Amino acid sequence: MLSSCNVFSFNTKPFVLAFTEVGELSVSKNMWMGGSYVLEDSELSEITRDSLIIDATIQESGKSSKQLVEVSLDSSPVKGMKKKFMELPPVDGATLERSCELPIDDFVRRMVRLCNQAKAYSATGKMIQLGVQLGGKGAGKLKDNMFLNQVPHSEYLSHVQEESPSRAHTLPRKK
C-alpha cells in the first residue's frame, strides 16, 4: 500500500465521478435541479494493488459531507457517465502475468487504462515514470534500441533505397 505523494498529484474528481456511485447519484439528483448534488473536492487517500481510495467532499442541498470512495483499477464508467467517459476493455490478466514479473508493472498498465478512461491523459506519463522509478520493466516505455528516425540510415536500408528505383524499369508490367 502506498500513501499519496507528489507523483500522484493529479485531479481525482474525474475518477470519482466516472467510476463510483457518486457520479451516478450526481446525474440522477441533478437531473431536475442542477447543483443540488455537487462533488466539491476529492483527494487521493490510499493506493492499493487493486484500487484507489479517495476522500470526496460532497455538497448535497447546501450541506457538505466527507465520503471515502474506492475506485477499482478494473472499473468501467458507471451508468450515468458512459456518455462523458469512454469505456476501454480491461487489461487481460493472463497477458499481465506473462509480461510483467513485478506488481508495479501490473499496477501501471491498469492505472494507465483508468487514466485514459477518465481523460486524465497527463497522468499516464507520471504512471509510467513511477513504474520505472520503482524498478519495474517500464510498461509502456520506449526501448533504448528503437532508433526512430535514424539518420543516416543503416547500410541495409540505404542499399534497399538505392537499388529499388534502379530495378523498377526491369520489372515486368502488368497488362
Protein backbone atom coordinates (compact mmCIF):
# COMPACT_ATOMS: atom_id res chain seq x y z
CA MET A 1 0.00 0.00 0.00
CA LEU A 2 1.33 3.44 -0.91
CA SER A 3 0.43 6.77 0.61
CA SER A 4 -0.23 9.63 -1.75
CA CYS A 5 2.87 11.50 -2.86
CA ASN A 6 3.87 14.09 -5.46
CA VAL A 7 3.73 11.56 -8.31
CA PHE A 8 0.01 11.27 -7.69
CA SER A 9 -0.73 14.98 -7.65
CA PHE A 10 -3.44 14.86 -10.30
CA ASN A 11 -7.10 15.78 -10.31
CA THR A 12 -9.05 12.88 -8.80
CA LYS A 13 -12.52 14.34 -9.43
CA PRO A 14 -12.97 12.65 -12.83
CA PHE A 15 -12.16 9.29 -11.22
CA VAL A 16 -14.79 9.78 -8.50
CA LEU A 17 -17.44 10.90 -11.00
CA ALA A 18 -16.69 8.29 -13.66
CA PHE A 19 -16.21 5.16 -11.58
CA THR A 20 -18.20 5.45 -8.32
CA GLU A 21 -21.77 5.77 -7.15
CA VAL A 22 -21.08 9.49 -6.57
CA GLY A 23 -21.14 10.03 -10.35
CA GLU A 24 -24.33 8.04 -10.73
CA LEU A 25 -26.02 9.94 -7.88
CA SER A 26 -24.92 13.31 -9.26
CA VAL A 27 -26.57 12.53 -12.59
CA SER A 28 -29.85 11.39 -11.06
CA LYS A 29 -30.08 14.07 -8.34
CA ASN A 30 -29.09 16.94 -10.63
CA MET A 31 -31.50 15.90 -13.36
CA TRP A 32 -34.33 18.11 -12.06
CA MET A 33 -32.42 20.63 -10.01
CA GLY A 34 -28.86 21.30 -11.17
CA GLY A 35 -26.34 21.87 -8.40
CA SER A 36 -28.24 20.02 -5.68
CA TYR A 37 -25.56 17.27 -5.53
CA VAL A 38 -22.01 18.50 -6.23
CA LEU A 39 -18.59 16.93 -5.82
CA GLU A 40 -16.74 19.86 -4.23
CA ASP A 41 -13.33 18.31 -3.71
CA SER A 42 -11.51 15.00 -3.82
CA GLU A 43 -8.11 13.90 -2.62
CA LEU A 44 -6.22 10.66 -3.04
CA SER A 45 -6.00 8.97 0.33
CA GLU A 46 -4.54 5.49 -0.31
CA ILE A 47 -3.39 3.28 -3.13
CA THR A 48 -3.58 -0.50 -3.04
CA ARG A 49 -2.62 -3.03 -5.68
CA ASP A 50 -6.20 -3.12 -6.96
CA SER A 51 -7.77 0.24 -6.13
CA LEU A 52 -7.54 3.93 -5.34
CA ILE A 53 -9.10 5.16 -2.10
CA ILE A 54 -10.28 8.76 -2.46
CA ASP A 55 -11.66 11.21 0.13
CA ALA A 56 -14.55 13.00 -1.54
CA THR A 57 -16.29 16.13 -0.23
CA ILE A 58 -19.88 16.23 -1.43
CA GLN A 59 -22.31 19.10 -1.11
CA GLU A 60 -25.92 17.98 -1.05
CA SER A 61 -28.66 20.59 -0.62
CA GLY A 62 -26.19 23.07 0.87
CA LYS A 63 -24.65 20.63 3.40
CA SER A 64 -21.10 19.34 2.94
CA SER A 65 -20.09 15.85 3.94
CA LYS A 66 -16.98 13.72 3.50
CA GLN A 67 -17.16 10.29 1.98
CA LEU A 68 -14.48 7.68 1.40
CA VAL A 69 -14.87 6.08 -2.05
CA GLU A 70 -12.97 3.23 -3.66
CA VAL A 71 -12.14 3.12 -7.37
CA SER A 72 -11.14 -0.30 -8.67
CA LEU A 73 -8.35 -0.27 -11.24
CA ASP A 74 -10.52 -2.53 -13.41
CA SER A 75 -13.51 -0.15 -13.33
CA SER A 76 -15.60 0.97 -16.24
CA PRO A 77 -17.66 4.18 -16.20
CA VAL A 78 -20.89 3.98 -14.18
CA LYS A 79 -24.23 4.03 -15.98
CA GLY A 80 -24.81 7.79 -15.90
CA MET A 81 -21.29 8.65 -17.05
CA LYS A 82 -20.85 6.38 -20.08
CA LYS A 83 -21.55 9.25 -22.50
CA LYS A 84 -18.98 11.54 -20.88
CA PHE A 85 -16.22 8.99 -20.27
CA MET A 86 -15.14 6.31 -22.75
CA GLU A 87 -15.10 2.64 -21.88
CA LEU A 88 -11.97 0.62 -22.62
CA PRO A 89 -11.61 -3.16 -22.40
CA PRO A 90 -9.98 -4.37 -19.18
CA VAL A 91 -6.32 -5.32 -19.20
CA ASP A 92 -6.10 -9.08 -19.70
CA GLY A 93 -4.78 -10.74 -16.54
CA ALA A 94 -3.16 -13.61 -18.45
CA THR A 95 -1.21 -11.15 -20.58
CA LEU A 96 -0.09 -9.29 -17.48
CA GLU A 97 1.15 -12.46 -15.79
CA ARG A 98 3.32 -13.32 -18.80
CA SER A 99 4.62 -9.84 -19.49
CA CYS A 100 5.45 -8.48 -16.05
CA GLU A 101 7.00 -10.12 -13.05
CA LEU A 102 6.67 -7.17 -10.70
CA PRO A 103 3.37 -5.89 -9.26
CA ILE A 104 4.27 -2.29 -10.20
CA ASP A 105 4.05 -3.09 -13.92
CA ASP A 106 0.60 -4.62 -13.38
CA PHE A 107 -0.46 -1.51 -11.44
CA VAL A 108 0.93 0.85 -14.09
CA ARG A 109 -0.87 -0.83 -17.02
CA ARG A 110 -4.20 -0.89 -15.21
CA MET A 111 -3.78 2.69 -13.94
CA VAL A 112 -2.93 3.99 -17.43
CA ARG A 113 -6.15 2.38 -18.72
CA LEU A 114 -8.11 4.04 -15.93
CA CYS A 115 -6.47 7.44 -16.61
CA ASN A 116 -7.34 7.22 -20.30
CA GLN A 117 -10.98 6.46 -19.49
CA ALA A 118 -11.13 9.40 -17.05
CA LYS A 119 -9.47 11.72 -19.61
CA ALA A 120 -6.52 12.26 -17.24
CA TYR A 121 -4.03 11.97 -20.06
CA SER A 122 -1.23 13.89 -18.33
CA ALA A 123 -1.23 11.33 -15.50
CA THR A 124 -0.33 8.43 -17.81
CA GLY A 125 3.25 9.65 -18.18
CA LYS A 126 3.51 10.01 -14.41
CA MET A 127 2.38 6.41 -14.00
CA ILE A 128 4.99 5.08 -16.45
CA GLN A 129 7.69 7.16 -14.74
CA LEU A 130 6.60 5.79 -11.36
CA GLY A 131 6.94 2.24 -12.63
CA VAL A 132 10.45 2.92 -13.91
CA GLN A 133 11.49 4.59 -10.63
CA LEU A 134 10.20 1.67 -8.57
CA GLY A 135 12.15 -0.87 -10.59
CA GLY A 136 9.52 -2.18 -12.98
CA LYS A 137 10.24 -3.24 -16.55
CA GLY A 138 8.81 0.06 -17.72
CA ALA A 139 5.42 -0.91 -19.09
CA GLY A 140 4.77 1.46 -21.97
CA LYS A 141 8.29 2.87 -22.04
CA LEU A 142 10.06 3.00 -25.41
CA LYS A 143 13.06 0.69 -25.57
CA ASP A 144 16.53 2.20 -25.97
CA ASN A 145 17.24 0.14 -29.10
CA MET A 146 14.33 1.63 -31.05
CA PHE A 147 16.15 4.03 -33.35
CA LEU A 148 13.23 6.05 -34.59
CA ASN A 149 14.04 8.41 -37.45
CA GLN A 150 17.63 7.22 -37.51
CA VAL A 151 19.77 9.30 -39.86
CA PRO A 152 21.96 8.26 -41.57
CA HIS A 153 20.06 5.07 -42.27
CA SER A 154 21.61 1.68 -41.70
CA GLU A 155 23.70 0.19 -44.51
CA TYR A 156 20.97 -2.33 -45.39
CA LEU A 157 18.23 0.29 -45.61
CA SER A 158 20.43 2.62 -47.68
CA HIS A 159 21.16 -0.22 -50.10
CA VAL A 160 17.45 -1.10 -50.47
CA GLN A 161 16.55 2.54 -51.11
CA GLU A 162 19.27 2.91 -53.74
CA GLU A 163 18.53 -0.38 -55.52
CA SER A 164 14.71 -0.23 -55.59
CA PRO A 165 14.37 2.63 -58.10
CA SER A 166 17.05 1.17 -60.37
CA ARG A 167 15.19 -2.18 -60.53
CA ALA A 168 11.85 -0.56 -61.23
CA HIS A 169 12.37 -0.41 -65.01
CA THR A 170 13.35 -4.09 -65.18
CA LEU A 171 10.19 -5.38 -63.51
CA PRO A 172 7.56 -6.75 -65.90
CA ARG A 173 4.49 -4.58 -66.24
CA LYS A 174 1.05 -5.96 -65.64
CA LYS A 175 -1.25 -5.85 -68.66
